[in-house]
Amino acid sequence: MLEVTKVKVEDRLYLKIKIVKMDTSLISIITSIDGWFKAMEPMTYGLPYEKAAEFHAKTYNYMVVWKADGDSMGTLTGGIDTDDIPTDYIVDYRPKQELRPYQVQGFNLLMQRDYLLIADQEGVGNIAPSS
């Protein structure tokens, strides 16, 4: 498993990649990407942020937790930033009941990803009320 954080050092963005459990195949993947470097922390590597797409493609079949800077649990507790997710459907879809804008955003996120867990608390409207 990998924990990845986007960090800024001297006005440049990097991916800070921590290997949670030793796996030599993960080290091989990271070191196969141009620009990699070993960070000061144990089992931690870095990549220039512009290599994020290549990193994502090469680690697609591995568990990767994308963390927010300063967040000990990353997106597991912080959620996904939905500022750039449209509130209009990105595919041709007409639900039986009108959804709230944030529910449409959740639907759009599901359409954009292979896997997604929606873990809203009870009562926040993650299911449209039936009439």
C-alpha atoms as a PDB file:
ATOM      1  CA  MET A   1       0.000   0.000   0.000  1.00  0.00           C
ATOM      2  CA  LEU A   2       1.129   3.551  -0.754  1.00  0.00           C
ATOM      3  CA  GLU A   3       0.281   6.832   0.934  1.00  0.00           C
ATOM      4  CA  VAL A   4       0.725   9.794  -1.422  1.00  0.00           C
ATOM      5  CA  THR A   5       0.708  13.464  -0.503  1.00  0.00           C
ATOM      6  CA  LYS A   6       1.106  16.455  -2.816  1.00  0.00           C
ATOM      7  CA  VAL A   7       3.708  18.758  -1.245  1.00  0.00           C
ATOM      8  CA  LYS A   8       5.230  22.079  -2.249  1.00  0.00           C
ATOM      9  CA  VAL A   9       8.973  22.666  -1.833  1.00  0.00           C
ATOM     10  CA  GLU A  10      10.496  25.984  -2.928  1.00  0.00           C
ATOM     11  CA  ASP A  11       7.543  26.811  -5.228  1.00  0.00           C
ATOM     12  CA  ARG A  12       7.614  23.391  -6.921  1.00  0.00           C
ATOM     13  CA  LEU A  13       5.049  20.592  -6.466  1.00  0.00           C
ATOM     14  CA  TYR A  14       6.021  17.002  -5.713  1.00  0.00           C
ATOM     15  CA  LEU A  15       4.406  13.696  -4.844  1.00  0.00           C
ATOM     16  CA  LYS A  16       5.610  12.364  -1.494  1.00  0.00           C
ATOM     17  CA  ILE A  17       5.174   8.587  -1.704  1.00  0.00           C
ATOM     18  CA  LYS A  18       5.386   6.458   1.431  1.00  0.00           C
ATOM     19  CA  ILE A  19       5.468   2.672   1.126  1.00  0.00           C
ATOM     20  CA  VAL A  20       3.404   1.450   4.073  1.00  0.00           C
ATOM     21  CA  LYS A  21       4.363  -2.220   3.772  1.00  0.00           C
ATOM     22  CA  MET A  22       7.625  -3.215   2.097  1.00  0.00           C
ATOM     23  CA  ASP A  23       6.978  -4.367  -1.447  1.00  0.00           C
ATOM     24  CA  THR A  24       9.896  -4.443  -3.884  1.00  0.00           C
ATOM     25  CA  SER A  25       7.548  -4.274  -6.882  1.00  0.00           C
ATOM     26  CA  LEU A  26       6.324  -0.861  -5.650  1.00  0.00           C
ATOM     27  CA  ILE A  27       9.906   0.365  -5.326  1.00  0.00           C
ATOM     28  CA  SER A  28      10.572  -0.841  -8.882  1.00  0.00           C
ATOM     29  CA  ILE A  29       7.522   1.028 -10.165  1.00  0.00           C
ATOM     30  CA  ILE A  30       8.488   4.282  -8.440  1.00  0.00           C
ATOM     31  CA  THR A  31      12.124   4.111  -9.537  1.00  0.00           C
ATOM     32  CA  SER A  32      11.077   3.395 -13.130  1.00  0.00           C
ATOM     33  CA  ILE A  33       9.626   6.924 -13.399  1.00  0.00           C
ATOM     34  CA  ASP A  34      12.073   9.644 -14.475  1.00  0.00           C
ATOM     35  CA  GLY A  35      12.808  12.207 -11.790  1.00  0.00           C
ATOM     36  CA  TRP A  36      12.291   9.931  -8.756  1.00  0.00           C
ATOM     37  CA  PHE A  37      14.345  10.501  -5.615  1.00  0.00           C
ATOM     38  CA  LYS A  38      14.692   8.948  -2.162  1.00  0.00           C
ATOM     39  CA  ALA A  39      13.255  11.124   0.596  1.00  0.00           C
ATOM     40  CA  MET A  40      14.750  11.479   4.072  1.00  0.00           C
ATOM     41  CA  GLU A  41      11.993   9.449   5.751  1.00  0.00           C
ATOM     42  CA  PRO A  42      12.269   5.647   5.742  1.00  0.00           C
ATOM     43  CA  MET A  43      10.542   3.911   2.797  1.00  0.00           C
ATOM     44  CA  THR A  44       9.579   7.285   1.321  1.00  0.00           C
ATOM     45  CA  TYR A  45      10.207   8.488  -2.222  1.00  0.00           C
ATOM     46  CA  GLY A  46       9.464  11.607  -4.223  1.00  0.00           C
ATOM     47  CA  LEU A  47       8.413  12.419  -7.754  1.00  0.00           C
ATOM     48  CA  PRO A  48       7.903  15.722  -9.537  1.00  0.00           C
ATOM     49  CA  TYR A  49       4.164  16.427  -9.585  1.00  0.00           C
ATOM     50  CA  GLU A  50       4.103  16.503 -13.392  1.00  0.00           C
ATOM     51  CA  LYS A  51       4.758  12.735 -13.247  1.00  0.00           C
ATOM     52  CA  ALA A  52       1.448  12.125 -11.387  1.00  0.00           C
ATOM     53  CA  ALA A  53      -0.362  10.734 -14.458  1.00  0.00           C
ATOM     54  CA  GLU A  54       2.414   8.209 -15.139  1.00  0.00           C
ATOM     55  CA  PHE A  55       2.528   7.289 -11.441  1.00  0.00           C
ATOM     56  CA  HIS A  56      -1.250   6.771 -11.401  1.00  0.00           C
ATOM     57  CA  ALA A  57      -1.131   4.605 -14.533  1.00  0.00           C
ATOM     58  CA  LYS A  58       1.674   2.412 -13.166  1.00  0.00           C
ATOM     59  CA  THR A  59       0.119   1.974  -9.700  1.00  0.00           C
ATOM     60  CA  TYR A  60      -3.426   1.451 -10.965  1.00  0.00           C
ATOM     61  CA  ASN A  61      -3.689  -2.089  -9.537  1.00  0.00           C
ATOM     62  CA  TYR A  62      -2.260  -1.179  -6.133  1.00  0.00           C
ATOM     63  CA  MET A  63      -3.887   0.348  -3.052  1.00  0.00           C
ATOM     64  CA  VAL A  64      -2.993   4.047  -3.079  1.00  0.00           C
ATOM     65  CA  VAL A  65      -4.319   6.420  -0.408  1.00  0.00           C
ATOM     66  CA  TRP A  66      -4.140  10.034  -1.567  1.00  0.00           C
ATOM     67  CA  LYS A  67      -3.626  12.172   1.515  1.00  0.00           C
ATOM     68  CA  ALA A  68      -4.107  15.882   2.057  1.00  0.00           C
ATOM     69  CA  ASP A  69      -1.082  17.716   3.454  1.00  0.00           C
ATOM     70  CA  GLY A  70      -1.305  17.618   7.257  1.00  0.00           C
ATOM     71  CA  ASP A  71      -4.176  15.094   7.252  1.00  0.00           C
ATOM     72  CA  SER A  72      -3.277  11.859   9.042  1.00  0.00           C
ATOM     73  CA  MET A  73      -5.995   9.877   7.225  1.00  0.00           C
ATOM     74  CA  GLY A  74      -6.057  11.647   3.856  1.00  0.00           C
ATOM     75  CA  THR A  75      -9.190  11.477   1.759  1.00  0.00           C
ATOM     76  CA  LEU A  76     -10.463   8.713   4.000  1.00  0.00           C
ATOM     77  CA  THR A  77     -11.625  11.408   6.427  1.00  0.00           C
ATOM     78  CA  GLY A  78     -11.226  14.628   4.476  1.00  0.00           C
ATOM     79  CA  GLY A  79     -13.346  13.617   1.540  1.00  0.00           C
ATOM     80  CA  ILE A  80     -12.870  14.478  -2.114  1.00  0.00           C
ATOM     81  CA  ASP A  81     -12.721  18.105  -3.176  1.00  0.00           C
ATOM     82  CA  THR A  82     -15.819  18.538  -5.359  1.00  0.00           C
ATOM     83  CA  ASP A  83     -15.255  22.168  -6.370  1.00  0.00           C
ATOM     84  CA  ASP A  84     -14.567  21.148  -9.977  1.00  0.00           C
ATOM     85  CA  ILE A  85     -17.215  18.382 -10.191  1.00  0.00           C
ATOM     86  CA  PRO A  86     -20.255  19.563 -12.199  1.00  0.00           C
ATOM     87  CA  THR A  87     -23.731  19.655 -10.651  1.00  0.00           C
ATOM     88  CA  ASP A  88     -25.238  18.726 -14.026  1.00  0.00           C
ATOM     89  CA  TYR A  89     -25.096  15.102 -15.190  1.00  0.00           C
ATOM     90  CA  ILE A  90     -21.977  14.267 -17.200  1.00  0.00           C
ATOM     91  CA  VAL A  91     -23.789  11.374 -18.915  1.00  0.00           C
ATOM     92  CA  ASP A  92     -27.301  11.146 -20.336  1.00  0.00           C
ATOM     93  CA  TYR A  93     -29.285  10.147 -17.238  1.00  0.00           C
ATOM     94  CA  ARG A  94     -32.766  10.975 -16.015  1.00  0.00           C
ATOM     95  CA  PRO A  95     -33.533   9.743 -12.492  1.00  0.00           C
ATOM     96  CA  LYS A  96     -37.070   8.964 -11.368  1.00  0.00           C
ATOM     97  CA  GLN A  97     -36.739  11.687  -8.734  1.00  0.00           C
ATOM     98  CA  GLU A  98     -34.791  14.909  -8.961  1.00  0.00           C
ATOM     99  CA  LEU A  99     -31.508  14.728  -7.056  1.00  0.00           C
ATOM    100  CA  ARG A 100     -29.899  17.479  -5.027  1.00  0.00           C
ATOM    101  CA  PRO A 101     -26.815  19.149  -6.584  1.00  0.00           C
ATOM    102  CA  TYR A 102     -24.342  17.367  -4.262  1.00  0.00           C
ATOM    103  CA  GLN A 103     -26.051  14.034  -5.058  1.00  0.00           C
ATOM    104  CA  VAL A 104     -25.514  14.714  -8.766  1.00  0.00           C
ATOM    105  CA  GLN A 105     -21.856  15.436  -7.978  1.00  0.00           C
ATOM    106  CA  GLY A 106     -21.651  12.063  -6.204  1.00  0.00           C
ATOM    107  CA  PHE A 107     -23.191  10.388  -9.249  1.00  0.00           C
ATOM    108  CA  ASN A 108     -20.681  12.162 -11.513  1.00  0.00           C
ATOM    109  CA  LEU A 109     -17.790  10.990  -9.308  1.00  0.00           C
ATOM    110  CA  LEU A 110     -19.075   7.416  -9.598  1.00  0.00           C
ATOM    111  CA  MET A 111     -19.134   7.773 -13.389  1.00  0.00           C
ATOM    112  CA  GLN A 112     -15.532   9.064 -13.451  1.00  0.00           C
ATOM    113  CA  ARG A 113     -13.962   6.351 -11.274  1.00  0.00           C
ATOM    114  CA  ASP A 114     -13.650   2.584 -11.273  1.00  0.00           C
ATOM    115  CA  TYR A 115     -14.104   2.452  -7.496  1.00  0.00           C
ATOM    116  CA  LEU A 116     -15.612   4.892  -5.025  1.00  0.00           C
ATOM    117  CA  LEU A 117     -17.014   4.595  -1.539  1.00  0.00           C
ATOM    118  CA  ILE A 118     -19.645   7.137  -0.540  1.00  0.00           C
ATOM    119  CA  ALA A 119     -19.573   7.114   3.255  1.00  0.00           C
ATOM    120  CA  ASP A 120     -21.796  10.031   4.218  1.00  0.00           C
ATOM    121  CA  GLN A 121     -23.353  10.006   7.672  1.00  0.00           C
ATOM    122  CA  GLU A 122     -27.002   9.057   8.023  1.00  0.00           C
ATOM    123  CA  GLY A 123     -29.443  11.859   7.377  1.00  0.00           C
ATOM    124  CA  VAL A 124     -27.351  13.966   4.998  1.00  0.00           C
ATOM    125  CA  GLY A 125     -29.396  12.983   1.954  1.00  0.00           C
ATOM    126  CA  ASN A 126     -27.159  10.430   0.274  1.00  0.00           C
ATOM    127  CA  ILE A 127     -30.357   8.674  -0.886  1.00  0.00           C
ATOM    128  CA  ALA A 128     -33.157  10.652  -2.505  1.00  0.00           C
ATOM    129  CA  PRO A 129     -36.398  10.497  -0.454  1.00  0.00           C
ATOM    130  CA  SER A 130     -39.179   8.411  -1.980  1.00  0.00           C
ATOM    131  CA  SER A 131     -42.622   9.888  -2.519  1.00  0.00           C
END
